[in-house]
């Protein structure tokens, strides 16, 4: 009987291997040979699933965002009050553990690469838009009035981006705690004069 191959699992393994290469060597380390070595397979297997380096990179970015989005949506659709959901979704966008730190290393590398690749820039913009829409929804559920939504959205996303970069570069327990406090304090200070009644 022929062996049944789970192709989606194989693709996932190759994508995760590419994350490891990116986290350890940067985007310049992404070669079929390096990813094959990290995955414990041949370059031929990678070529079977991805047409080339750029498709592998796009898939790696898409999967990193998808993993974060799944976690965020679970929280966003949960039973906590709106402000607590906004805080916890924001936490999910920060490198507060080993897995999310690896995601952030991938994202930072892609931001740099997207500056010179239209395909990667488009992929990154699409994923960023998904995150922006979710944060906007939660801010609205917190009572932020429509005339203040864009500025509050920009503020919070900028805070998360800035904290994420800082924590990726200096991932200490103290900085992780300060990041949590910064998000919680910001959400707690949402100006009641700006909310809908």
C-alpha atoms as a PDB file:
ATOM      1  CA  UNK A   1       0.000   0.000   0.000  1.00  0.00           C
ATOM      2  CA  UNK A   2       1.450   3.397  -0.944  1.00  0.00           C
ATOM      3  CA  UNK A   3       2.247   5.777   1.881  1.00  0.00           C
ATOM      4  CA  UNK A   4      -0.342   8.531   2.311  1.00  0.00           C
ATOM      5  CA  UNK A   5       1.335  11.951   2.324  1.00  0.00           C
ATOM      6  CA  UNK A   6      -0.276  14.876   4.136  1.00  0.00           C
ATOM      7  CA  UNK A   7       0.688  17.662   1.733  1.00  0.00           C
ATOM      8  CA  UNK A   8      -0.607  20.490   3.923  1.00  0.00           C
ATOM      9  CA  UNK A   9       1.498  19.145   6.807  1.00  0.00           C
ATOM     10  CA  UNK A  10       4.560  18.945   4.552  1.00  0.00           C
ATOM     11  CA  UNK A  11       4.063  22.551   3.453  1.00  0.00           C
ATOM     12  CA  UNK A  12       3.657  23.623   7.074  1.00  0.00           C
ATOM     13  CA  UNK A  13       6.895  21.867   8.039  1.00  0.00           C
ATOM     14  CA  UNK A  14       8.772  23.621   5.231  1.00  0.00           C
ATOM     15  CA  UNK A  15       7.306  26.998   6.197  1.00  0.00           C
ATOM     16  CA  UNK A  16       8.295  26.486   9.830  1.00  0.00           C
ATOM     17  CA  UNK A  17      11.798  25.531   8.693  1.00  0.00           C
ATOM     18  CA  UNK A  18      11.953  28.781   6.729  1.00  0.00           C
ATOM     19  CA  UNK A  19      10.956  30.690   9.894  1.00  0.00           C
ATOM     20  CA  UNK A  20      13.872  29.113  11.739  1.00  0.00           C
ATOM     21  CA  UNK A  21      16.269  30.087   8.965  1.00  0.00           C
ATOM     22  CA  UNK A  22      14.926  33.653   8.902  1.00  0.00           C
ATOM     23  CA  UNK A  23      15.101  33.959  12.710  1.00  0.00           C
ATOM     24  CA  UNK A  24      18.688  32.681  12.814  1.00  0.00           C
ATOM     25  CA  UNK A  25      20.197  33.952   9.548  1.00  0.00           C
ATOM     26  CA  UNK A  26      17.934  36.714   8.246  1.00  0.00           C
ATOM     27  CA  UNK A  27      16.313  36.799   4.837  1.00  0.00           C
ATOM     28  CA  UNK A  28      19.660  36.395   3.083  1.00  0.00           C
ATOM     29  CA  UNK A  29      19.835  32.933   4.659  1.00  0.00           C
ATOM     30  CA  UNK A  30      16.721  31.815   2.831  1.00  0.00           C
ATOM     31  CA  UNK A  31      18.095  29.461   0.213  1.00  0.00           C
ATOM     32  CA  UNK A  32      16.532  26.163  -0.761  1.00  0.00           C
ATOM     33  CA  UNK A  33      19.592  24.420   0.629  1.00  0.00           C
ATOM     34  CA  UNK A  34      19.369  26.126   4.045  1.00  0.00           C
ATOM     35  CA  UNK A  35      15.634  25.527   4.367  1.00  0.00           C
ATOM     36  CA  UNK A  36      16.059  21.894   3.289  1.00  0.00           C
ATOM     37  CA  UNK A  37      18.742  21.440   5.943  1.00  0.00           C
ATOM     38  CA  UNK A  38      16.506  22.986   8.624  1.00  0.00           C
ATOM     39  CA  UNK A  39      13.598  20.777   7.523  1.00  0.00           C
ATOM     40  CA  UNK A  40      15.732  17.638   7.239  1.00  0.00           C
ATOM     41  CA  UNK A  41      14.777  17.034   3.624  1.00  0.00           C
ATOM     42  CA  UNK A  42      16.034  17.520   0.078  1.00  0.00           C
ATOM     43  CA  UNK A  43      15.779  20.691  -1.985  1.00  0.00           C
ATOM     44  CA  UNK A  44      13.649  18.648  -4.379  1.00  0.00           C
ATOM     45  CA  UNK A  45      10.913  18.371  -1.763  1.00  0.00           C
ATOM     46  CA  UNK A  46      10.836  22.158  -1.381  1.00  0.00           C
ATOM     47  CA  UNK A  47      10.661  22.603  -5.170  1.00  0.00           C
ATOM     48  CA  UNK A  48       7.688  20.212  -5.204  1.00  0.00           C
ATOM     49  CA  UNK A  49       5.690  22.523  -2.922  1.00  0.00           C
ATOM     50  CA  UNK A  50       7.000  25.985  -3.831  1.00  0.00           C
ATOM     51  CA  UNK A  51       7.853  27.404  -7.240  1.00  0.00           C
ATOM     52  CA  UNK A  52      10.826  29.287  -5.858  1.00  0.00           C
ATOM     53  CA  UNK A  53      12.276  31.388  -3.077  1.00  0.00           C
ATOM     54  CA  UNK A  54       9.772  34.246  -3.369  1.00  0.00           C
ATOM     55  CA  UNK A  55       6.759  31.944  -3.165  1.00  0.00           C
ATOM     56  CA  UNK A  56       8.280  30.284  -0.105  1.00  0.00           C
ATOM     57  CA  UNK A  57       8.848  33.701   1.475  1.00  0.00           C
ATOM     58  CA  UNK A  58       5.289  34.860   0.712  1.00  0.00           C
ATOM     59  CA  UNK A  59       3.895  31.637   2.137  1.00  0.00           C
ATOM     60  CA  UNK A  60       6.017  32.008   5.266  1.00  0.00           C
ATOM     61  CA  UNK A  61       4.734  35.540   5.833  1.00  0.00           C
ATOM     62  CA  UNK A  62       1.127  34.525   5.147  1.00  0.00           C
ATOM     63  CA  UNK A  63       1.324  31.642   7.624  1.00  0.00           C
ATOM     64  CA  UNK A  64       2.937  33.761  10.351  1.00  0.00           C
ATOM     65  CA  UNK A  65       0.116  36.280  10.014  1.00  0.00           C
ATOM     66  CA  UNK A  66      -2.499  33.530   9.863  1.00  0.00           C
ATOM     67  CA  UNK A  67      -1.250  31.975  13.098  1.00  0.00           C
ATOM     68  CA  UNK A  68      -1.454  35.342  14.856  1.00  0.00           C
ATOM     69  CA  UNK A  69      -4.878  36.060  13.332  1.00  0.00           C
ATOM     70  CA  UNK A  70      -6.329  32.763  14.581  1.00  0.00           C
ATOM     71  CA  UNK A  71      -5.206  33.539  18.123  1.00  0.00           C
ATOM     72  CA  UNK A  72      -6.506  37.103  17.919  1.00  0.00           C
ATOM     73  CA  UNK A  73      -9.906  36.128  16.506  1.00  0.00           C
ATOM     74  CA  UNK A  74     -10.428  33.586  19.273  1.00  0.00           C
ATOM     75  CA  UNK A  75      -9.912  36.347  21.843  1.00  0.00           C
ATOM     76  CA  UNK A  76     -11.859  38.989  19.884  1.00  0.00           C
ATOM     77  CA  UNK A  77     -14.904  36.734  19.679  1.00  0.00           C
ATOM     78  CA  UNK A  78     -14.671  35.652  23.320  1.00  0.00           C
ATOM     79  CA  UNK A  79     -16.702  36.529  26.386  1.00  0.00           C
ATOM     80  CA  UNK A  80     -14.462  39.188  27.974  1.00  0.00           C
ATOM     81  CA  UNK A  81     -15.559  42.824  27.989  1.00  0.00           C
ATOM     82  CA  UNK A  82     -14.484  44.929  25.004  1.00  0.00           C
ATOM     83  CA  UNK A  83     -11.509  46.643  26.657  1.00  0.00           C
ATOM     84  CA  UNK A  84     -10.102  43.368  27.958  1.00  0.00           C
ATOM     85  CA  UNK A  85     -10.456  41.795  24.516  1.00  0.00           C
ATOM     86  CA  UNK A  86      -8.670  44.778  22.951  1.00  0.00           C
ATOM     87  CA  UNK A  87      -5.845  44.498  25.479  1.00  0.00           C
ATOM     88  CA  UNK A  88      -5.443  40.745  24.985  1.00  0.00           C
ATOM     89  CA  UNK A  89      -5.608  40.969  21.185  1.00  0.00           C
ATOM     90  CA  UNK A  90      -2.890  43.635  21.344  1.00  0.00           C
ATOM     91  CA  UNK A  91      -0.809  41.318  23.542  1.00  0.00           C
ATOM     92  CA  UNK A  92      -1.118  38.606  20.901  1.00  0.00           C
ATOM     93  CA  UNK A  93       0.542  40.999  18.455  1.00  0.00           C
ATOM     94  CA  UNK A  94       3.612  41.307  20.692  1.00  0.00           C
ATOM     95  CA  UNK A  95       6.617  38.949  21.058  1.00  0.00           C
ATOM     96  CA  UNK A  96       5.784  37.977  24.634  1.00  0.00           C
ATOM     97  CA  UNK A  97       6.901  34.343  24.326  1.00  0.00           C
ATOM     98  CA  UNK A  98       9.263  32.225  22.235  1.00  0.00           C
ATOM     99  CA  UNK A  99       6.732  31.485  19.494  1.00  0.00           C
ATOM    100  CA  UNK A 100       5.655  35.110  19.058  1.00  0.00           C
ATOM    101  CA  UNK A 101       9.279  36.259  19.184  1.00  0.00           C
ATOM    102  CA  UNK A 102       9.993  34.016  16.209  1.00  0.00           C
ATOM    103  CA  UNK A 103       6.974  35.505  14.401  1.00  0.00           C
ATOM    104  CA  UNK A 104       8.305  38.991  15.031  1.00  0.00           C
ATOM    105  CA  UNK A 105      11.732  38.102  13.698  1.00  0.00           C
ATOM    106  CA  UNK A 106       9.991  36.901  10.537  1.00  0.00           C
ATOM    107  CA  UNK A 107       7.884  40.076  10.279  1.00  0.00           C
ATOM    108  CA  UNK A 108      10.829  42.438  10.749  1.00  0.00           C
ATOM    109  CA  UNK A 109      12.783  40.653   8.028  1.00  0.00           C
ATOM    110  CA  UNK A 110       9.784  40.843   5.701  1.00  0.00           C
ATOM    111  CA  UNK A 111       9.249  44.545   6.303  1.00  0.00           C
ATOM    112  CA  UNK A 112      12.795  45.157   5.125  1.00  0.00           C
ATOM    113  CA  UNK A 113      12.358  42.854   2.123  1.00  0.00           C
ATOM    114  CA  UNK A 114       8.994  44.399   1.208  1.00  0.00           C
ATOM    115  CA  UNK A 115      10.717  47.729   0.592  1.00  0.00           C
ATOM    116  CA  UNK A 116      12.228  46.259  -2.575  1.00  0.00           C
ATOM    117  CA  UNK A 117       9.672  43.597  -3.568  1.00  0.00           C
ATOM    118  CA  UNK A 118       6.222  44.533  -4.851  1.00  0.00           C
ATOM    119  CA  UNK A 119       4.912  41.006  -4.267  1.00  0.00           C
ATOM    120  CA  UNK A 120       6.065  40.889  -0.657  1.00  0.00           C
ATOM    121  CA  UNK A 121       4.848  44.453  -0.085  1.00  0.00           C
ATOM    122  CA  UNK A 122       1.385  43.517  -1.389  1.00  0.00           C
ATOM    123  CA  UNK A 123       1.291  40.389   0.775  1.00  0.00           C
ATOM    124  CA  UNK A 124       2.336  42.351   3.854  1.00  0.00           C
ATOM    125  CA  UNK A 125      -0.205  45.122   3.154  1.00  0.00           C
ATOM    126  CA  UNK A 126      -3.036  42.611   2.843  1.00  0.00           C
ATOM    127  CA  UNK A 127      -2.200  40.941   6.143  1.00  0.00           C
ATOM    128  CA  UNK A 128      -1.734  44.306   7.865  1.00  0.00           C
ATOM    129  CA  UNK A 129      -5.184  45.384   6.654  1.00  0.00           C
ATOM    130  CA  UNK A 130      -6.748  42.317   8.278  1.00  0.00           C
ATOM    131  CA  UNK A 131      -5.145  43.242  11.608  1.00  0.00           C
ATOM    132  CA  UNK A 132      -6.188  46.898  11.231  1.00  0.00           C
ATOM    133  CA  UNK A 133      -9.812  45.898  10.599  1.00  0.00           C
ATOM    134  CA  UNK A 134      -9.869  43.723  13.722  1.00  0.00           C
ATOM    135  CA  UNK A 135      -8.405  46.464  15.938  1.00  0.00           C
ATOM    136  CA  UNK A 136     -10.870  48.991  14.488  1.00  0.00           C
ATOM    137  CA  UNK A 137     -13.745  46.634  15.288  1.00  0.00           C
ATOM    138  CA  UNK A 138     -12.593  46.258  18.886  1.00  0.00           C
ATOM    139  CA  UNK A 139     -12.069  50.000  19.329  1.00  0.00           C
ATOM    140  CA  UNK A 140     -15.626  50.533  18.084  1.00  0.00           C
ATOM    141  CA  UNK A 141     -16.878  47.915  20.541  1.00  0.00           C
ATOM    142  CA  UNK A 142     -15.049  49.841  23.279  1.00  0.00           C
ATOM    143  CA  UNK A 143     -17.169  52.847  22.326  1.00  0.00           C
ATOM    144  CA  UNK A 144     -14.707  54.892  20.269  1.00  0.00           C
ATOM    145  CA  UNK A 145     -16.713  57.348  18.179  1.00  0.00           C
ATOM    146  CA  UNK A 146     -16.290  57.203  14.404  1.00  0.00           C
ATOM    147  CA  UNK A 147     -14.715  60.684  14.203  1.00  0.00           C
ATOM    148  CA  UNK A 148     -11.907  59.545  16.531  1.00  0.00           C
ATOM    149  CA  UNK A 149     -11.498  55.996  15.232  1.00  0.00           C
ATOM    150  CA  UNK A 150      -8.733  56.621  12.678  1.00  0.00           C
ATOM    151  CA  UNK A 151      -6.486  58.487  15.117  1.00  0.00           C
ATOM    152  CA  UNK A 152      -6.989  55.960  17.941  1.00  0.00           C
ATOM    153  CA  UNK A 153      -6.389  53.095  15.515  1.00  0.00           C
ATOM    154  CA  UNK A 154      -3.183  54.706  14.262  1.00  0.00           C
ATOM    155  CA  UNK A 155      -1.986  55.314  17.826  1.00  0.00           C
ATOM    156  CA  UNK A 156      -2.568  51.773  19.046  1.00  0.00           C
ATOM    157  CA  UNK A 157      -1.116  50.083  15.970  1.00  0.00           C
ATOM    158  CA  UNK A 158       1.955  52.315  16.192  1.00  0.00           C
ATOM    159  CA  UNK A 159       2.362  51.454  19.867  1.00  0.00           C
ATOM    160  CA  UNK A 160       2.138  47.719  19.152  1.00  0.00           C
ATOM    161  CA  UNK A 161       4.593  47.999  16.246  1.00  0.00           C
ATOM    162  CA  UNK A 162       7.056  50.027  18.309  1.00  0.00           C
ATOM    163  CA  UNK A 163       6.816  47.749  21.340  1.00  0.00           C
ATOM    164  CA  UNK A 164       7.155  44.708  19.090  1.00  0.00           C
ATOM    165  CA  UNK A 165      10.402  45.974  17.589  1.00  0.00           C
ATOM    166  CA  UNK A 166      11.760  46.908  21.017  1.00  0.00           C
ATOM    167  CA  UNK A 167      10.882  43.514  22.516  1.00  0.00           C
ATOM    168  CA  UNK A 168      12.346  41.662  19.548  1.00  0.00           C
ATOM    169  CA  UNK A 169      15.651  43.485  19.982  1.00  0.00           C
ATOM    170  CA  UNK A 170      15.655  43.363  23.804  1.00  0.00           C
ATOM    171  CA  UNK A 171      13.359  40.507  24.931  1.00  0.00           C
ATOM    172  CA  UNK A 172      13.796  40.826  28.696  1.00  0.00           C
ATOM    173  CA  UNK A 173      11.149  39.972  31.326  1.00  0.00           C
ATOM    174  CA  UNK A 174      11.155  43.613  32.456  1.00  0.00           C
ATOM    175  CA  UNK A 175      10.493  44.884  28.924  1.00  0.00           C
ATOM    176  CA  UNK A 176       7.713  42.344  28.407  1.00  0.00           C
ATOM    177  CA  UNK A 177       6.033  43.510  31.602  1.00  0.00           C
ATOM    178  CA  UNK A 178       6.435  47.179  30.605  1.00  0.00           C
ATOM    179  CA  UNK A 179       4.903  46.404  27.214  1.00  0.00           C
ATOM    180  CA  UNK A 180       1.868  44.776  28.824  1.00  0.00           C
ATOM    181  CA  UNK A 181       1.472  47.761  31.152  1.00  0.00           C
ATOM    182  CA  UNK A 182       1.809  50.246  28.277  1.00  0.00           C
ATOM    183  CA  UNK A 183      -1.003  48.557  26.325  1.00  0.00           C
ATOM    184  CA  UNK A 184      -3.272  48.173  29.354  1.00  0.00           C
ATOM    185  CA  UNK A 185      -2.728  51.800  30.407  1.00  0.00           C
ATOM    186  CA  UNK A 186      -3.420  53.091  26.889  1.00  0.00           C
ATOM    187  CA  UNK A 187      -6.661  51.143  26.586  1.00  0.00           C
ATOM    188  CA  UNK A 188      -7.635  52.205  30.087  1.00  0.00           C
ATOM    189  CA  UNK A 189      -7.211  55.858  29.121  1.00  0.00           C
ATOM    190  CA  UNK A 190      -9.498  55.760  26.099  1.00  0.00           C
ATOM    191  CA  UNK A 191     -11.082  59.189  26.508  1.00  0.00           C
ATOM    192  CA  UNK A 192     -14.666  58.881  27.658  1.00  0.00           C
ATOM    193  CA  UNK A 193     -15.422  62.216  25.952  1.00  0.00           C
ATOM    194  CA  UNK A 194     -14.751  60.486  22.619  1.00  0.00           C
ATOM    195  CA  UNK A 195     -17.074  57.512  23.019  1.00  0.00           C
ATOM    196  CA  UNK A 196     -20.489  57.001  21.546  1.00  0.00           C
ATOM    197  CA  UNK A 197     -23.481  57.257  23.858  1.00  0.00           C
END
